[in-house]
N, C-alpha and C. Protein backbone atom coordinates (compact mmCIF):
# COMPACT_ATOMS: atom_id res chain seq x y z
N MET A 1 1.02 -1.25 -0.09
CA MET A 1 0.15 -0.07 -0.07
C MET A 1 1.13 1.24 0.09
N THR A 2 0.36 2.10 -0.90
CA THR A 2 1.43 3.24 -0.96
C THR A 2 0.78 4.42 -0.11
N THR A 3 1.62 5.39 -0.12
CA THR A 3 0.91 6.54 0.77
C THR A 3 -0.13 7.25 0.27
N ASP A 4 -0.06 7.34 -1.27
CA ASP A 4 -1.36 7.90 -2.05
C ASP A 4 -2.62 7.14 -1.93
N ASP A 5 -2.43 5.79 -1.65
CA ASP A 5 -3.54 5.20 -1.37
C ASP A 5 -4.26 5.29 -0.05
N ARG A 6 -3.48 5.63 1.17
CA ARG A 6 -3.60 5.62 2.60
C ARG A 6 -4.29 6.91 2.85
N TYR A 7 -3.95 7.82 2.06
CA TYR A 7 -5.03 9.14 2.11
C TYR A 7 -5.73 9.79 1.17
N TYR A 8 -6.96 10.67 2.00
CA TYR A 8 -7.70 11.16 0.69
C TYR A 8 -7.23 12.15 -0.16
N GLN A 9 -7.22 12.12 -1.51
CA GLN A 9 -6.88 13.33 -2.13
C GLN A 9 -8.41 13.80 -3.00
N PRO A 10 -8.55 14.82 -2.42
CA PRO A 10 -9.82 15.57 -2.82
C PRO A 10 -9.46 15.98 -4.83
N GLN A 11 -10.55 15.89 -5.13
CA GLN A 11 -10.15 16.44 -6.87
C GLN A 11 -10.47 18.03 -7.06
N ASN A 12 -11.14 18.74 -6.03
CA ASN A 12 -11.09 20.02 -6.34
C ASN A 12 -11.63 20.57 -4.89
N ALA A 13 -11.63 22.11 -4.79
CA ALA A 13 -12.27 22.72 -3.53
C ALA A 13 -13.31 22.00 -3.00
N LYS A 14 -14.48 22.03 -3.79
CA LYS A 14 -15.86 21.30 -3.26
C LYS A 14 -15.82 19.94 -2.96
N ASP A 15 -15.21 19.14 -3.51
CA ASP A 15 -14.91 17.88 -2.69
C ASP A 15 -14.06 18.13 -1.46
N ALA A 16 -13.16 18.93 -1.26
CA ALA A 16 -12.11 18.93 0.08
C ALA A 16 -13.28 19.41 0.94
N LEU A 17 -14.18 20.26 0.80
CA LEU A 17 -15.25 21.00 1.59
C LEU A 17 -16.26 19.91 1.94
N ARG A 18 -16.59 19.34 1.13
CA ARG A 18 -17.56 18.10 1.34
C ARG A 18 -16.96 16.89 2.66
N TYR A 19 -15.69 16.77 2.44
CA TYR A 19 -14.97 15.70 3.03
C TYR A 19 -14.78 16.43 4.26
N ILE A 20 -14.11 17.45 4.59
CA ILE A 20 -14.02 18.41 6.00
C ILE A 20 -15.36 18.37 6.49
N GLU A 21 -16.42 18.94 5.76
CA GLU A 21 -17.43 19.00 6.57
C GLU A 21 -18.36 17.52 7.03
N GLY A 22 -17.86 16.57 6.37
CA GLY A 22 -18.24 15.20 7.30
C GLY A 22 -17.66 14.65 8.24
N LEU A 23 -16.21 15.20 8.26
CA LEU A 23 -15.49 14.94 9.24
C LEU A 23 -15.81 15.83 10.42
N PHE A 24 -16.09 17.08 10.08
CA PHE A 24 -16.66 17.94 11.40
C PHE A 24 -17.91 17.49 12.09
N ASN A 25 -18.83 16.95 10.96
CA ASN A 25 -20.29 16.49 11.62
C ASN A 25 -19.86 15.38 12.48
N GLN A 26 -18.96 14.44 12.46
CA GLN A 26 -18.78 13.49 12.92
C GLN A 26 -18.27 13.62 14.21
N TYR A 27 -17.70 14.61 14.52
CA TYR A 27 -16.95 15.09 15.99
C TYR A 27 -17.36 16.19 16.64
N ALA A 28 -18.67 16.85 15.95
CA ALA A 28 -19.08 18.15 16.35
C ALA A 28 -19.91 18.00 17.82
N GLN A 29 -20.49 16.42 18.11
CA GLN A 29 -20.96 16.68 19.67
C GLN A 29 -20.28 15.73 20.47
N ALA A 30 -18.99 15.50 20.25
CA ALA A 30 -18.20 14.68 20.89
C ALA A 30 -17.91 15.46 22.11
N PRO A 31 -17.46 15.15 23.34
CA PRO A 31 -16.93 15.47 24.56
C PRO A 31 -15.32 16.23 24.00
N LEU A 32 -15.28 17.70 24.41
CA LEU A 32 -14.15 18.14 23.98
C LEU A 32 -12.81 17.95 24.51
N THR A 33 -11.78 17.20 23.98
CA THR A 33 -10.52 16.98 24.65
C THR A 33 -9.64 17.84 23.80
N MET A 34 -8.20 17.73 24.23
CA MET A 34 -7.23 18.34 23.84
C MET A 34 -6.72 18.11 22.34
N GLU A 35 -6.63 16.81 22.20
CA GLU A 35 -6.53 16.04 20.96
C GLU A 35 -7.74 16.61 19.92
N LEU A 36 -9.08 16.43 20.29
CA LEU A 36 -9.93 16.94 19.35
C LEU A 36 -9.83 18.46 19.13
N VAL A 37 -9.65 19.37 20.19
CA VAL A 37 -9.19 20.82 19.89
C VAL A 37 -8.12 20.95 18.61
N ALA A 38 -7.08 20.21 19.10
CA ALA A 38 -5.87 20.14 17.87
C ALA A 38 -6.14 19.63 16.44
N TYR A 39 -7.20 18.73 16.61
CA TYR A 39 -7.42 18.28 15.27
C TYR A 39 -8.68 19.01 14.68
N HIS A 40 -8.89 20.00 15.46
CA HIS A 40 -10.32 20.95 14.81
C HIS A 40 -9.48 22.07 14.29
N GLN A 41 -8.59 22.33 14.96
CA GLN A 41 -7.57 23.80 14.54
C GLN A 41 -6.78 23.35 13.28
N LYS A 42 -6.30 21.77 13.42
CA LYS A 42 -5.71 21.45 11.83
C LYS A 42 -6.64 21.30 11.06
N LEU A 43 -7.84 21.24 10.93
CA LEU A 43 -8.99 21.44 9.73
C LEU A 43 -8.83 22.56 9.35
N VAL A 44 -9.10 23.61 10.45
CA VAL A 44 -9.37 25.05 10.09
C VAL A 44 -8.27 25.79 9.35
N LYS A 45 -7.41 25.15 9.81
CA LYS A 45 -6.02 25.99 9.15
C LYS A 45 -5.69 25.21 7.55
N GLN A 46 -6.10 23.99 7.61
CA GLN A 46 -6.26 23.32 6.31
C GLN A 46 -7.22 24.13 5.44
N LEU A 47 -8.04 24.46 5.85
CA LEU A 47 -9.20 25.45 5.11
C LEU A 47 -8.69 26.82 4.55
N GLN A 48 -8.03 27.14 5.74
CA GLN A 48 -7.49 28.72 5.36
C GLN A 48 -6.02 28.55 4.63
N GLU A 49 -5.40 27.65 4.93
CA GLU A 49 -4.23 27.69 3.96
C GLU A 49 -4.30 26.78 2.85
N ASP A 50 -4.88 25.63 2.61
CA ASP A 50 -5.01 24.86 1.49
C ASP A 50 -6.26 25.29 0.43
N ILE A 51 -7.59 25.12 0.99
CA ILE A 51 -8.55 25.32 0.03
C ILE A 51 -9.03 26.24 -0.23
N LEU A 52 -8.80 27.39 0.66
CA LEU A 52 -9.23 28.81 0.36
C LEU A 52 -8.34 29.50 -0.88
N PRO A 53 -6.86 29.19 -0.89
CA PRO A 53 -6.33 29.79 -1.48
C PRO A 53 -6.31 28.84 -3.00
N THR A 54 -6.75 27.74 -3.30
CA THR A 54 -6.94 27.08 -4.25
C THR A 54 -8.32 27.00 -4.85
N ALA A 55 -9.37 27.70 -4.24
CA ALA A 55 -10.33 28.36 -4.83
C ALA A 55 -10.26 29.56 -5.45
N GLN A 56 -9.46 30.03 -4.89
CA GLN A 56 -9.43 31.61 -4.90
C GLN A 56 -8.23 31.57 -6.27
N ALA A 57 -7.57 30.64 -6.54
CA ALA A 57 -6.72 30.55 -8.11
C ALA A 57 -7.18 30.09 -8.94
N ALA A 58 -8.67 29.22 -8.73
CA ALA A 58 -9.11 28.55 -9.85
C ALA A 58 -10.40 29.65 -10.18
N GLY A 59 -10.63 30.78 -9.58
CA GLY A 59 -11.31 31.91 -9.67
C GLY A 59 -12.81 30.96 -9.16
N GLN A 60 -13.07 30.16 -8.24
CA GLN A 60 -14.17 29.80 -7.93
C GLN A 60 -15.02 30.46 -6.77
N LYS A 61 -15.70 31.64 -7.24
CA LYS A 61 -16.55 32.73 -6.29
C LYS A 61 -17.18 31.95 -5.41
N VAL A 62 -17.84 30.85 -5.86
CA VAL A 62 -19.21 30.48 -4.69
C VAL A 62 -18.04 29.68 -3.76
N GLN A 63 -16.94 28.66 -4.29
CA GLN A 63 -16.37 27.76 -3.41
C GLN A 63 -15.40 28.62 -2.21
N VAL A 64 -15.08 29.93 -2.71
CA VAL A 64 -14.44 30.81 -1.94
C VAL A 64 -15.51 31.55 -0.57
N GLU A 65 -16.64 31.77 -1.23
CA GLU A 65 -17.62 31.84 0.08
C GLU A 65 -18.07 30.68 1.12
N ASN A 66 -18.31 29.94 0.51
CA ASN A 66 -18.67 28.37 1.17
C ASN A 66 -17.31 27.95 2.18
N THR A 67 -16.10 28.42 1.69
CA THR A 67 -15.20 27.82 2.50
C THR A 67 -14.77 29.11 3.66
N GLN A 68 -15.13 30.37 3.50
CA GLN A 68 -14.99 31.42 4.30
C GLN A 68 -16.41 31.16 5.56
N GLN A 69 -17.66 30.66 4.76
CA GLN A 69 -18.74 30.50 5.63
C GLN A 69 -18.23 29.22 6.70
N MET A 70 -17.70 28.22 6.19
CA MET A 70 -17.36 27.18 7.10
C MET A 70 -16.06 27.41 7.83
N ILE A 71 -15.17 28.38 7.41
CA ILE A 71 -14.20 28.73 8.64
C ILE A 71 -14.93 29.36 9.87
N GLN A 72 -15.78 30.19 9.33
CA GLN A 72 -16.65 31.12 10.55
C GLN A 72 -17.30 29.99 11.25
N THR A 73 -18.25 29.21 11.07
CA THR A 73 -18.91 28.37 11.62
C THR A 73 -18.06 27.37 12.37
N MET A 74 -16.94 26.95 12.00
CA MET A 74 -15.85 25.94 12.71
C MET A 74 -15.20 26.80 14.18
N GLN A 75 -15.24 28.09 13.80
CA GLN A 75 -14.69 28.82 14.59
C GLN A 75 -15.32 29.33 15.96
N SER A 76 -16.73 29.35 15.34
CA SER A 76 -17.92 29.76 16.14
C SER A 76 -17.98 27.99 16.95
N TRP A 77 -18.05 27.20 16.58
CA TRP A 77 -17.90 25.70 17.50
C TRP A 77 -16.88 25.84 18.39
N LEU A 78 -15.74 26.24 18.03
CA LEU A 78 -14.78 26.21 19.53
C LEU A 78 -15.36 27.22 20.26
N ARG A 79 -15.57 28.23 20.11
CA ARG A 79 -15.83 29.22 21.17
C ARG A 79 -16.97 28.71 21.88
N ILE A 80 -17.83 28.08 21.13
CA ILE A 80 -19.19 27.81 22.05
C ILE A 80 -18.82 26.48 22.64
N ARG A 81 -18.21 25.66 22.46
CA ARG A 81 -17.74 24.47 23.33
C ARG A 81 -16.82 24.89 24.28
N MET A 82 -15.78 25.71 24.09
CA MET A 82 -14.77 26.06 25.18
C MET A 82 -15.46 26.73 26.16
N SER A 83 -16.69 27.74 25.97
CA SER A 83 -17.42 28.13 26.66
C SER A 83 -18.67 27.19 27.78
N GLY A 84 -18.09 25.54 27.15
CA GLY A 84 -19.07 24.99 27.80
C GLY A 84 -20.49 24.79 27.29
N GLN A 85 -20.92 25.30 26.46
CA GLN A 85 -22.23 25.57 26.05
C GLN A 85 -22.23 24.10 24.87
N PRO A 86 -23.51 23.68 24.85
CA PRO A 86 -23.47 22.37 23.43
C PRO A 86 -23.39 23.10 22.23
N PHE A 87 -23.22 22.48 21.08
CA PHE A 87 -23.30 22.84 19.79
C PHE A 87 -24.51 22.11 19.27
N ALA A 88 -25.53 23.03 19.07
CA ALA A 88 -27.15 22.26 18.71
C ALA A 88 -26.96 22.42 17.36
N GLY A 89 -26.42 21.49 16.65
CA GLY A 89 -26.81 21.75 15.43
C GLY A 89 -25.60 21.17 14.65
N LYS A 90 -25.44 20.98 13.02
CA LYS A 90 -24.42 20.55 12.37
C LYS A 90 -24.34 21.60 11.01
N MET A 91 -23.05 21.02 10.54
CA MET A 91 -23.05 21.77 9.23
C MET A 91 -23.63 20.95 8.04
N HIS A 92 -24.11 21.65 7.21
CA HIS A 92 -25.38 21.09 6.03
C HIS A 92 -24.83 22.08 4.99
N HIS A 93 -24.81 21.93 3.85
CA HIS A 93 -24.08 22.61 2.77
C HIS A 93 -23.25 24.05 3.12
N PHE A 94 -22.51 23.26 3.96
CA PHE A 94 -21.18 24.20 4.23
C PHE A 94 -21.51 25.28 5.33
N LYS A 95 -23.10 25.55 5.85
CA LYS A 95 -23.12 26.10 6.73
C LYS A 95 -23.74 25.54 7.93
N PHE A 96 -24.03 26.50 8.84
CA PHE A 96 -24.38 25.69 10.47
C PHE A 96 -25.82 25.60 10.09
N GLU A 97 -26.59 24.68 10.50
CA GLU A 97 -28.08 24.20 10.66
C GLU A 97 -28.12 23.65 11.90
N ALA A 98 -29.34 24.77 12.37
CA ALA A 98 -29.81 24.15 13.79
C ALA A 98 -30.53 22.85 14.21
N ASP A 99 -30.61 22.24 15.15
CA ASP A 99 -31.04 20.95 14.89
C ASP A 99 -32.70 20.80 14.76
N ASN A 100 -33.38 22.12 15.27
CA ASN A 100 -34.51 22.31 15.29
C ASN A 100 -35.02 23.01 13.95
N ALA A 101 -33.79 23.14 12.99
CA ALA A 101 -34.50 24.06 11.62
C ALA A 101 -35.42 23.63 10.76
N LYS A 102 -35.26 22.14 10.85
CA LYS A 102 -35.77 20.95 10.02
C LYS A 102 -37.26 20.56 10.73
N PRO A 103 -38.33 20.36 9.94
CA PRO A 103 -39.64 19.41 10.62
C PRO A 103 -39.10 18.04 11.10
N LYS A 104 -39.55 17.67 12.28
CA LYS A 104 -39.65 16.05 12.34
C LYS A 104 -40.83 15.24 12.20
N PHE A 105 -40.56 14.54 11.73
CA PHE A 105 -42.03 13.50 11.68
C PHE A 105 -41.89 12.48 12.26
N LYS A 106 -42.90 12.24 12.88
CA LYS A 106 -43.15 10.87 13.84
C LYS A 106 -43.65 9.96 13.31
N ARG A 107 -43.15 8.93 13.23
CA ARG A 107 -43.59 7.46 12.36
C ARG A 107 -44.29 6.70 13.10
N HIS A 108 -45.27 5.76 12.52
CA HIS A 108 -45.79 4.64 13.42
C HIS A 108 -45.85 3.78 12.44
N VAL A 109 -44.78 2.28 12.96
CA VAL A 109 -44.99 1.34 12.23
C VAL A 109 -46.09 0.51 12.04
N ILE A 110 -46.89 -0.15 11.13
CA ILE A 110 -47.55 -0.93 11.09
C ILE A 110 -47.10 -2.18 10.83
N LYS A 111 -47.21 -3.21 11.85
CA LYS A 111 -47.04 -4.70 11.48
C LYS A 111 -48.42 -5.37 11.08
N GLY A 112 -47.96 -5.91 9.91
CA GLY A 112 -48.91 -6.62 9.10
C GLY A 112 -48.96 -8.00 9.60
N ARG A 113 -50.27 -8.54 8.95
CA ARG A 113 -49.87 -10.39 9.08
C ARG A 113 -49.45 -10.88 8.04
N ARG A 114 -48.48 -10.04 7.30
CA ARG A 114 -47.93 -10.97 6.12
C ARG A 114 -46.50 -11.25 6.45
N SER A 115 -46.08 -12.73 5.81
CA SER A 115 -44.84 -12.86 6.17
C SER A 115 -44.02 -12.49 5.15
N GLY A 116 -42.97 -11.88 6.07
CA GLY A 116 -41.84 -11.08 4.95
C GLY A 116 -41.15 -10.47 5.68
N GLY A 117 -41.35 -10.39 7.02
CA GLY A 117 -39.85 -10.33 7.81
C GLY A 117 -40.01 -8.62 7.67
N GLY A 118 -38.95 -8.15 7.27
CA GLY A 118 -38.92 -6.78 7.39
C GLY A 118 -39.34 -5.91 6.76
N HIS A 119 -40.72 -6.39 6.00
CA HIS A 119 -41.75 -5.57 4.97
C HIS A 119 -42.60 -4.94 6.21
N ARG A 120 -42.78 -3.60 6.47
CA ARG A 120 -43.86 -3.19 7.15
C ARG A 120 -44.12 -2.03 6.43
N SER A 121 -45.11 -1.43 6.80
CA SER A 121 -45.78 -0.40 6.02
C SER A 121 -45.42 0.86 7.31
N THR A 122 -45.38 2.13 7.15
CA THR A 122 -45.60 3.24 7.94
C THR A 122 -46.33 4.41 7.65
N ARG A 123 -46.76 4.77 8.68
CA ARG A 123 -47.75 6.07 8.58
C ARG A 123 -46.87 7.17 9.14
N HIS A 124 -47.01 8.22 8.51
CA HIS A 124 -46.32 9.57 8.98
C HIS A 124 -46.95 10.33 9.72
């Protein structure tokens, strides 16, 4: 296995932003540790020093705005978590989205008399 296979190589700025967004959402609710803070700052630094200049050089105005929005969200995450508050949301389309921003639907699963195992209907 070569080192090229081991590390994720994004194709463009948007690909890199999506990848970092996924990583951020994985640890956004995790308990704060020194290792997590260091990892988080490494990702923010990567956004500022690698992805932002790449998007600017390519003339991708939308990706530059998305990167700046992501940097702001990630910096606010650190401030919120350092003050002891919970981060009530996640990153969606490179922007902060509160947990209560989308409607929640209650589902009622109906068990039928059919033999099929996992095939059940739902009522929303």
